[in-house]
Amino acid sequence: MESLLHTTEEDKSASTLSRQALSFFMHTVLALASWLALMFVGYLLNPPAISQSFILILSTLVPLAVGYLIMSFRQDEMAPLVWLAGLTWIVIISLWVLDMPTGPNACFHCDATEKMSRTFLSIPGPSGLIDNDGPFLGTWPAAALLGYAIGARLARRRRS
């Protein structure tokens, strides 16, 4: 009898864990899809001379609004945790960038800090590493996941 109860508890916890993992994955996909939709609209409209800082702000605010709306309709404990996926993503891309060799037209004589700031923020100018796509591949998706998590957290706090 005791082993039957123990098995049922294990099944419940495995079911809960798989539900949480699926929920986390779906919220991550929603956050990135909202960011990709923003990028798609931006490329369709192709506004002249838009700054990367403005794109970074939009990459945070649009998923923030989506996270807020989704959590306003359906509360979920995993939605505010998608910032962890953004953190993991930026760390992976950062390690990749730090491992890249430097040379002419590719952040020549850059130290680690300069590699990171030039690649991800283009400050003071682009690094030339990863074809100058650092903001698109690293900064903006991570900002989107952070923004989604903040929006979800705000909606969750509002309902409490």
N, C-alpha and C. Protein backbone atom coordinates (compact mmCIF):
# COMPACT_ATOMS: atom_id res chain seq x y z
N MET A 1 0.82 -1.19 0.00
CA MET A 1 0.00 0.00 0.00
C MET A 1 0.87 1.26 0.00
N GLU A 2 1.92 1.22 0.82
CA GLU A 2 2.80 2.38 0.92
C GLU A 2 3.52 2.64 -0.41
N SER A 3 3.94 1.58 -1.10
CA SER A 3 4.64 1.76 -2.37
C SER A 3 3.68 2.31 -3.44
N LEU A 4 2.40 1.96 -3.35
CA LEU A 4 1.41 2.49 -4.28
C LEU A 4 1.24 4.00 -4.09
N LEU A 5 1.21 4.46 -2.85
CA LEU A 5 1.11 5.89 -2.57
C LEU A 5 2.37 6.62 -3.02
N HIS A 6 3.51 6.00 -2.80
CA HIS A 6 4.78 6.61 -3.20
C HIS A 6 4.86 6.76 -4.71
N THR A 7 4.41 5.79 -5.46
CA THR A 7 4.41 5.85 -6.92
C THR A 7 3.48 6.94 -7.42
N THR A 8 2.33 7.08 -6.80
CA THR A 8 1.38 8.11 -7.20
C THR A 8 1.97 9.50 -6.97
N GLU A 9 2.66 9.71 -5.86
CA GLU A 9 3.31 10.99 -5.59
C GLU A 9 4.40 11.28 -6.60
N GLU A 10 5.17 10.25 -6.96
CA GLU A 10 6.21 10.43 -7.97
C GLU A 10 5.60 10.78 -9.33
N ASP A 11 4.50 10.13 -9.68
CA ASP A 11 3.83 10.44 -10.94
C ASP A 11 3.32 11.87 -10.96
N LYS A 12 2.76 12.32 -9.81
CA LYS A 12 2.26 13.69 -9.72
C LYS A 12 3.39 14.70 -9.88
N SER A 13 4.52 14.45 -9.19
CA SER A 13 5.63 15.39 -9.27
C SER A 13 6.25 15.39 -10.67
N ALA A 14 6.32 14.24 -11.32
CA ALA A 14 6.83 14.18 -12.69
C ALA A 14 5.88 14.90 -13.65
N SER A 15 4.59 14.75 -13.42
CA SER A 15 3.61 15.45 -14.25
C SER A 15 3.71 16.96 -14.06
N THR A 16 3.86 17.38 -12.80
CA THR A 16 4.00 18.81 -12.51
C THR A 16 5.27 19.36 -13.15
N LEU A 17 6.36 18.64 -13.05
CA LEU A 17 7.63 19.08 -13.62
C LEU A 17 7.55 19.19 -15.14
N SER A 18 6.94 18.21 -15.78
CA SER A 18 6.82 18.27 -17.24
C SER A 18 5.89 19.40 -17.66
N ARG A 19 4.84 19.67 -16.89
CA ARG A 19 3.94 20.78 -17.18
C ARG A 19 4.66 22.11 -17.04
N GLN A 20 5.48 22.24 -16.01
CA GLN A 20 6.25 23.46 -15.81
C GLN A 20 7.28 23.66 -16.92
N ALA A 21 7.94 22.59 -17.32
CA ALA A 21 8.93 22.69 -18.40
C ALA A 21 8.26 23.11 -19.70
N LEU A 22 7.12 22.53 -20.00
CA LEU A 22 6.39 22.90 -21.21
C LEU A 22 5.92 24.35 -21.14
N SER A 23 5.44 24.77 -19.99
CA SER A 23 5.00 26.15 -19.81
C SER A 23 6.16 27.12 -19.98
N PHE A 24 7.30 26.80 -19.40
CA PHE A 24 8.49 27.65 -19.53
C PHE A 24 8.89 27.76 -21.00
N PHE A 25 8.89 26.64 -21.70
CA PHE A 25 9.25 26.62 -23.11
C PHE A 25 8.27 27.46 -23.93
N MET A 26 6.99 27.32 -23.67
CA MET A 26 5.98 28.06 -24.43
C MET A 26 6.08 29.57 -24.18
N HIS A 27 6.33 29.97 -22.95
CA HIS A 27 6.49 31.40 -22.66
C HIS A 27 7.76 31.94 -23.32
N THR A 28 8.81 31.14 -23.35
CA THR A 28 10.03 31.55 -24.03
C THR A 28 9.78 31.74 -25.52
N VAL A 29 9.05 30.81 -26.11
CA VAL A 29 8.71 30.92 -27.53
C VAL A 29 7.84 32.15 -27.79
N LEU A 30 6.87 32.41 -26.92
CA LEU A 30 6.02 33.60 -27.08
C LEU A 30 6.83 34.89 -26.99
N ALA A 31 7.75 34.94 -26.05
CA ALA A 31 8.59 36.14 -25.92
C ALA A 31 9.44 36.35 -27.17
N LEU A 32 10.06 35.29 -27.65
CA LEU A 32 10.90 35.41 -28.84
C LEU A 32 10.06 35.66 -30.09
N ALA A 33 8.86 35.10 -30.14
CA ALA A 33 7.99 35.34 -31.30
C ALA A 33 7.54 36.80 -31.34
N SER A 34 7.25 37.39 -30.19
CA SER A 34 6.87 38.80 -30.17
C SER A 34 8.04 39.67 -30.61
N TRP A 35 9.25 39.31 -30.20
CA TRP A 35 10.43 40.05 -30.63
C TRP A 35 10.67 39.87 -32.13
N LEU A 36 10.53 38.64 -32.63
CA LEU A 36 10.70 38.40 -34.06
C LEU A 36 9.65 39.15 -34.88
N ALA A 37 8.44 39.25 -34.36
CA ALA A 37 7.40 40.02 -35.05
C ALA A 37 7.81 41.50 -35.11
N LEU A 38 8.36 42.01 -34.04
CA LEU A 38 8.87 43.39 -34.03
C LEU A 38 9.97 43.56 -35.08
N MET A 39 10.89 42.61 -35.14
CA MET A 39 11.97 42.67 -36.13
C MET A 39 11.41 42.61 -37.56
N PHE A 40 10.42 41.76 -37.77
CA PHE A 40 9.81 41.63 -39.09
C PHE A 40 9.14 42.94 -39.52
N VAL A 41 8.40 43.54 -38.61
CA VAL A 41 7.74 44.82 -38.91
C VAL A 41 8.79 45.89 -39.18
N GLY A 42 9.86 45.87 -38.41
CA GLY A 42 10.94 46.83 -38.62
C GLY A 42 11.59 46.68 -39.98
N TYR A 43 11.80 45.45 -40.39
CA TYR A 43 12.42 45.23 -41.70
C TYR A 43 11.45 45.56 -42.84
N LEU A 44 10.16 45.36 -42.61
CA LEU A 44 9.18 45.73 -43.64
C LEU A 44 9.10 47.25 -43.80
N LEU A 45 9.04 47.96 -42.68
CA LEU A 45 8.94 49.41 -42.72
C LEU A 45 10.27 50.07 -43.08
N ASN A 46 11.36 49.44 -42.62
CA ASN A 46 12.72 49.92 -42.88
C ASN A 46 12.85 51.42 -42.61
N PRO A 47 12.60 51.86 -41.37
CA PRO A 47 12.71 53.29 -41.07
C PRO A 47 14.16 53.76 -41.19
N PRO A 48 14.35 54.94 -41.73
CA PRO A 48 15.72 55.43 -41.92
C PRO A 48 16.35 55.87 -40.60
N ALA A 49 17.61 55.58 -40.47
CA ALA A 49 18.45 56.05 -39.35
C ALA A 49 17.86 55.78 -37.97
N ILE A 50 17.37 54.57 -37.74
CA ILE A 50 16.88 54.23 -36.41
C ILE A 50 18.07 53.71 -35.59
N SER A 51 18.20 54.17 -34.37
CA SER A 51 19.36 53.81 -33.55
C SER A 51 19.18 52.43 -32.92
N GLN A 52 20.31 51.82 -32.62
CA GLN A 52 20.28 50.51 -31.96
C GLN A 52 19.73 50.63 -30.55
N SER A 53 19.91 51.76 -29.91
CA SER A 53 19.36 51.96 -28.56
C SER A 53 17.84 51.94 -28.59
N PHE A 54 17.26 52.55 -29.61
CA PHE A 54 15.82 52.56 -29.74
C PHE A 54 15.29 51.14 -30.01
N ILE A 55 16.01 50.38 -30.82
CA ILE A 55 15.62 48.99 -31.08
C ILE A 55 15.72 48.17 -29.80
N LEU A 56 16.75 48.43 -28.99
CA LEU A 56 16.89 47.73 -27.71
C LEU A 56 15.70 48.03 -26.80
N ILE A 57 15.29 49.29 -26.75
CA ILE A 57 14.13 49.68 -25.93
C ILE A 57 12.87 48.99 -26.43
N LEU A 58 12.66 49.01 -27.75
CA LEU A 58 11.49 48.33 -28.32
C LEU A 58 11.56 46.81 -28.11
N SER A 59 12.76 46.25 -28.17
CA SER A 59 12.94 44.82 -27.96
C SER A 59 12.60 44.41 -26.54
N THR A 60 12.62 45.36 -25.63
CA THR A 60 12.22 45.10 -24.25
C THR A 60 10.74 45.39 -24.05
N LEU A 61 10.26 46.52 -24.59
CA LEU A 61 8.89 46.95 -24.32
C LEU A 61 7.82 46.12 -25.02
N VAL A 62 8.05 45.71 -26.26
CA VAL A 62 7.04 44.92 -26.97
C VAL A 62 6.81 43.57 -26.28
N PRO A 63 7.86 42.78 -25.99
CA PRO A 63 7.62 41.55 -25.24
C PRO A 63 7.08 41.80 -23.82
N LEU A 64 7.46 42.93 -23.21
CA LEU A 64 6.90 43.27 -21.90
C LEU A 64 5.39 43.39 -21.99
N ALA A 65 4.91 44.08 -23.02
CA ALA A 65 3.46 44.23 -23.21
C ALA A 65 2.80 42.89 -23.49
N VAL A 66 3.44 42.06 -24.29
CA VAL A 66 2.88 40.73 -24.60
C VAL A 66 2.83 39.88 -23.33
N GLY A 67 3.89 39.89 -22.55
CA GLY A 67 3.91 39.13 -21.29
C GLY A 67 2.84 39.61 -20.33
N TYR A 68 2.66 40.91 -20.27
CA TYR A 68 1.63 41.48 -19.40
C TYR A 68 0.24 41.05 -19.84
N LEU A 69 -0.02 41.13 -21.16
CA LEU A 69 -1.33 40.73 -21.68
C LEU A 69 -1.62 39.25 -21.44
N ILE A 70 -0.65 38.43 -21.73
CA ILE A 70 -0.87 36.98 -21.57
C ILE A 70 -1.10 36.63 -20.10
N MET A 71 -0.33 37.23 -19.22
CA MET A 71 -0.52 36.93 -17.80
C MET A 71 -1.78 37.57 -17.24
N SER A 72 -2.30 38.59 -17.91
CA SER A 72 -3.56 39.18 -17.47
C SER A 72 -4.72 38.22 -17.72
N PHE A 73 -4.61 37.42 -18.76
CA PHE A 73 -5.67 36.47 -19.09
C PHE A 73 -5.46 35.11 -18.45
N ARG A 74 -4.21 34.67 -18.37
CA ARG A 74 -3.95 33.33 -17.84
C ARG A 74 -2.72 33.37 -16.95
N GLN A 75 -2.93 33.25 -15.66
CA GLN A 75 -1.82 33.27 -14.71
C GLN A 75 -1.01 31.98 -14.81
N ASP A 76 0.30 32.14 -14.76
CA ASP A 76 1.20 30.99 -14.84
C ASP A 76 2.46 31.32 -14.05
N GLU A 77 2.86 30.41 -13.20
CA GLU A 77 4.02 30.66 -12.34
C GLU A 77 5.34 30.65 -13.10
N MET A 78 5.39 30.08 -14.29
CA MET A 78 6.64 29.97 -15.03
C MET A 78 6.94 31.19 -15.91
N ALA A 79 5.96 31.98 -16.25
CA ALA A 79 6.15 33.12 -17.15
C ALA A 79 7.18 34.13 -16.63
N PRO A 80 7.16 34.50 -15.35
CA PRO A 80 8.16 35.47 -14.89
C PRO A 80 9.59 34.93 -14.86
N LEU A 81 9.76 33.65 -15.12
CA LEU A 81 11.09 33.05 -15.03
C LEU A 81 11.82 32.95 -16.37
N VAL A 82 11.21 33.44 -17.45
CA VAL A 82 11.86 33.30 -18.76
C VAL A 82 13.11 34.17 -18.88
N TRP A 83 13.33 35.09 -17.97
CA TRP A 83 14.56 35.87 -17.99
C TRP A 83 15.77 34.95 -17.85
N LEU A 84 15.58 33.79 -17.22
CA LEU A 84 16.68 32.83 -17.09
C LEU A 84 17.13 32.31 -18.45
N ALA A 85 16.20 32.14 -19.37
CA ALA A 85 16.56 31.72 -20.72
C ALA A 85 17.35 32.83 -21.41
N GLY A 86 16.97 34.08 -21.18
CA GLY A 86 17.71 35.21 -21.74
C GLY A 86 19.12 35.30 -21.18
N LEU A 87 19.24 35.08 -19.89
CA LEU A 87 20.56 35.09 -19.26
C LEU A 87 21.43 33.97 -19.81
N THR A 88 20.86 32.79 -19.93
CA THR A 88 21.60 31.66 -20.47
C THR A 88 22.03 31.94 -21.91
N TRP A 89 21.13 32.52 -22.70
CA TRP A 89 21.43 32.83 -24.09
C TRP A 89 22.58 33.83 -24.21
N ILE A 90 22.53 34.92 -23.44
CA ILE A 90 23.57 35.95 -23.55
C ILE A 90 24.91 35.41 -23.05
N VAL A 91 24.89 34.52 -22.08
CA VAL A 91 26.14 33.91 -21.60
C VAL A 91 26.74 33.02 -22.68
N ILE A 92 25.92 32.23 -23.36
CA ILE A 92 26.42 31.36 -24.43
C ILE A 92 27.02 32.20 -25.56
N ILE A 93 26.33 33.23 -25.99
CA ILE A 93 26.84 34.08 -27.07
C ILE A 93 28.10 34.82 -26.60
N SER A 94 28.12 35.26 -25.36
CA SER A 94 29.30 35.95 -24.83
C SER A 94 30.53 35.05 -24.83
N LEU A 95 30.35 33.82 -24.41
CA LEU A 95 31.48 32.88 -24.43
C LEU A 95 31.97 32.63 -25.85
N TRP A 96 31.05 32.56 -26.78
CA TRP A 96 31.41 32.38 -28.18
C TRP A 96 32.22 33.59 -28.68
N VAL A 97 31.77 34.79 -28.35
CA VAL A 97 32.46 36.01 -28.78
C VAL A 97 33.83 36.11 -28.12
N LEU A 98 33.92 35.81 -26.84
CA LEU A 98 35.20 35.89 -26.14
C LEU A 98 36.22 34.90 -26.69
N ASP A 99 35.75 33.81 -27.22
CA ASP A 99 36.64 32.80 -27.77
C ASP A 99 37.12 33.13 -29.19
N MET A 100 36.51 34.13 -29.82
CA MET A 100 36.87 34.48 -31.19
C MET A 100 38.22 35.20 -31.25
N PRO A 101 39.00 34.89 -32.28
CA PRO A 101 40.26 35.62 -32.43
C PRO A 101 40.00 37.03 -32.97
N THR A 102 40.90 37.94 -32.63
CA THR A 102 40.80 39.29 -33.15
C THR A 102 41.80 39.47 -34.28
N GLY A 103 41.56 40.45 -35.09
CA GLY A 103 42.44 40.74 -36.21
C GLY A 103 41.99 42.00 -36.89
N PRO A 104 42.62 42.34 -38.01
CA PRO A 104 42.17 43.52 -38.73
C PRO A 104 40.69 43.39 -39.10
N ASN A 105 39.93 44.46 -38.89
CA ASN A 105 38.48 44.52 -39.13
C ASN A 105 37.69 43.59 -38.21
N ALA A 106 38.32 43.08 -37.17
CA ALA A 106 37.62 42.22 -36.21
C ALA A 106 38.13 42.52 -34.80
N CYS A 107 37.89 43.75 -34.35
CA CYS A 107 38.23 44.17 -32.99
C CYS A 107 39.72 43.94 -32.69
N PHE A 108 40.56 44.46 -33.54
CA PHE A 108 42.01 44.27 -33.44
C PHE A 108 42.53 44.81 -32.11
N HIS A 109 43.27 44.00 -31.38
CA HIS A 109 43.86 44.34 -30.07
C HIS A 109 42.81 44.68 -29.01
N CYS A 110 41.62 44.09 -29.08
CA CYS A 110 40.58 44.34 -28.08
C CYS A 110 40.79 43.45 -26.87
N ASP A 111 40.52 43.99 -25.69
CA ASP A 111 40.48 43.14 -24.51
C ASP A 111 39.05 42.59 -24.37
N ALA A 112 38.81 41.80 -23.36
CA ALA A 112 37.51 41.14 -23.21
C ALA A 112 36.36 42.14 -23.05
N THR A 113 36.56 43.17 -22.25
CA THR A 113 35.50 44.17 -22.04
C THR A 113 35.16 44.89 -23.33
N GLU A 114 36.19 45.26 -24.07
CA GLU A 114 35.96 45.97 -25.33
C GLU A 114 35.28 45.06 -26.36
N LYS A 115 35.66 43.78 -26.37
CA LYS A 115 34.99 42.83 -27.27
C LYS A 115 33.50 42.78 -26.98
N MET A 116 33.15 42.72 -25.70
CA MET A 116 31.75 42.60 -25.32
C MET A 116 30.98 43.88 -25.62
N SER A 117 31.52 45.03 -25.24
CA SER A 117 30.78 46.28 -25.45
C SER A 117 30.65 46.61 -26.93
N ARG A 118 31.69 46.33 -27.70
CA ARG A 118 31.61 46.61 -29.14
C ARG A 118 30.70 45.62 -29.86
N THR A 119 30.69 44.36 -29.41
CA THR A 119 29.87 43.36 -30.08
C THR A 119 28.39 43.51 -29.74
N PHE A 120 28.07 43.67 -28.47
CA PHE A 120 26.68 43.65 -28.05
C PHE A 120 26.01 45.02 -28.02
N LEU A 121 26.79 46.07 -27.86
CA LEU A 121 26.20 47.42 -27.79
C LEU A 121 26.72 48.36 -28.87
N SER A 122 27.71 47.92 -29.62
CA SER A 122 28.35 48.74 -30.66
C SER A 122 28.90 50.04 -30.09
N ILE A 123 29.43 49.99 -28.87
CA ILE A 123 30.00 51.17 -28.22
C ILE A 123 31.51 50.96 -28.10
N PRO A 124 32.35 51.80 -28.58
CA PRO A 124 32.13 53.02 -29.32
C PRO A 124 31.82 52.77 -30.79
N GLY A 125 32.04 51.58 -31.27
CA GLY A 125 31.69 51.22 -32.64
C GLY A 125 31.62 49.71 -32.73
N PRO A 126 31.07 49.16 -33.81
CA PRO A 126 30.95 47.71 -33.94
C PRO A 126 32.31 47.03 -33.91
N SER A 127 32.32 45.80 -33.43
CA SER A 127 33.57 45.07 -33.27
C SER A 127 34.02 44.38 -34.55
N GLY A 128 33.11 44.08 -35.43
CA GLY A 128 33.46 43.30 -36.62
C GLY A 128 33.34 41.80 -36.36
N LEU A 129 33.12 41.42 -35.11
CA LEU A 129 32.95 40.01 -34.77
C LEU A 129 31.51 39.60 -35.07
N ILE A 130 31.29 38.37 -35.35
CA ILE A 130 30.01 37.78 -35.76
C ILE A 130 29.27 38.68 -36.75
N ASP A 131 30.03 39.19 -37.69
CA ASP A 131 29.49 40.02 -38.78
C ASP A 131 28.69 41.22 -38.29
N ASN A 132 29.10 41.79 -37.17
CA ASN A 132 28.43 42.94 -36.55
C ASN A 132 26.96 42.67 -36.21
N ASP A 133 26.61 41.41 -36.02
CA ASP A 133 25.24 41.04 -35.65
C ASP A 133 25.10 40.76 -34.16
N GLY A 134 25.99 41.26 -33.35
CA GLY A 134 25.94 41.04 -31.90
C GLY A 134 24.63 41.47 -31.26
N PRO A 135 24.14 42.69 -31.57
CA PRO A 135 22.86 43.08 -30.98
C PRO A 135 21.72 42.16 -31.42
N PHE A 136 21.69 41.79 -32.69
CA PHE A 136 20.59 40.96 -33.20
C PHE A 136 20.67 39.54 -32.65
N LEU A 137 21.87 38.99 -32.52
CA LEU A 137 22.01 37.61 -32.05
C LEU A 137 22.05 37.48 -30.54
N GLY A 138 22.48 38.51 -29.84
CA GLY A 138 22.66 38.38 -28.41
C GLY A 138 21.86 39.34 -27.56
N THR A 139 22.01 40.63 -27.79
CA THR A 139 21.43 41.64 -26.91
C THR A 139 19.92 41.70 -26.99
N TRP A 140 19.39 41.82 -28.20
CA TRP A 140 17.95 42.03 -28.36
C TRP A 140 17.12 40.82 -27.95
N PRO A 141 17.50 39.57 -28.29
CA PRO A 141 16.70 38.44 -27.79
C PRO A 141 16.73 38.32 -26.26
N ALA A 142 17.89 38.58 -25.67
CA ALA A 142 17.98 38.54 -24.20
C ALA A 142 17.12 39.63 -23.58
N ALA A 143 17.12 40.81 -24.19
CA ALA A 143 16.28 41.91 -23.70
C ALA A 143 14.80 41.56 -23.85
N ALA A 144 14.45 40.86 -24.93
CA ALA A 144 13.06 40.46 -25.14
C ALA A 144 12.61 39.49 -24.05
N LEU A 145 13.44 38.55 -23.70
CA LEU A 145 13.09 37.59 -22.65
C LEU A 145 13.00 38.28 -21.29
N LEU A 146 13.89 39.22 -21.04
CA LEU A 146 13.82 39.98 -19.80
C LEU A 146 12.54 40.82 -19.75
N GLY A 147 12.23 41.50 -20.85
CA GLY A 147 11.03 42.32 -20.90
C GLY A 147 9.77 41.49 -20.70
N TYR A 148 9.70 40.33 -21.32
CA TYR A 148 8.54 39.44 -21.15
C TYR A 148 8.39 39.04 -19.68
N ALA A 149 9.50 38.70 -19.06
CA ALA A 149 9.46 38.30 -17.65
C ALA A 149 8.99 39.45 -16.77
N ILE A 150 9.44 40.66 -17.05
CA ILE A 150 9.01 41.82 -16.27
C ILE A 150 7.52 42.06 -16.45
N GLY A 151 7.04 42.00 -17.69
CA GLY A 151 5.61 42.17 -17.95
C GLY A 151 4.77 41.12 -17.26
N ALA A 152 5.23 39.87 -17.30
CA ALA A 152 4.50 38.79 -16.63
C ALA A 152 4.48 39.01 -15.12
N ARG A 153 5.59 39.46 -14.59
CA ARG A 153 5.67 39.71 -13.15
C ARG A 153 4.75 40.86 -12.74
N LEU A 154 4.71 41.91 -13.55
CA LEU A 154 3.82 43.04 -13.25
C LEU A 154 2.36 42.62 -13.26
N ALA A 155 1.97 41.81 -14.24
CA ALA A 155 0.59 41.34 -14.32
C ALA A 155 0.26 40.41 -13.16
N ARG A 156 1.21 39.60 -12.78
CA ARG A 156 1.00 38.68 -11.66
C ARG A 156 0.85 39.44 -10.36
N ARG A 157 1.65 40.46 -10.18
CA ARG A 157 1.59 41.28 -8.97
C ARG A 157 0.28 42.04 -8.90
N ARG A 158 -0.19 42.51 -10.06
CA ARG A 158 -1.45 43.27 -10.14
C ARG A 158 -2.63 42.40 -9.72
N ARG A 159 -2.61 41.15 -10.10
CA ARG A 159 -3.73 40.25 -9.78
C ARG A 159 -3.72 39.76 -8.36
N SER A 160 -2.55 39.81 -7.71
CA SER A 160 -2.44 39.29 -6.33
C SER A 160 -3.19 40.15 -5.34
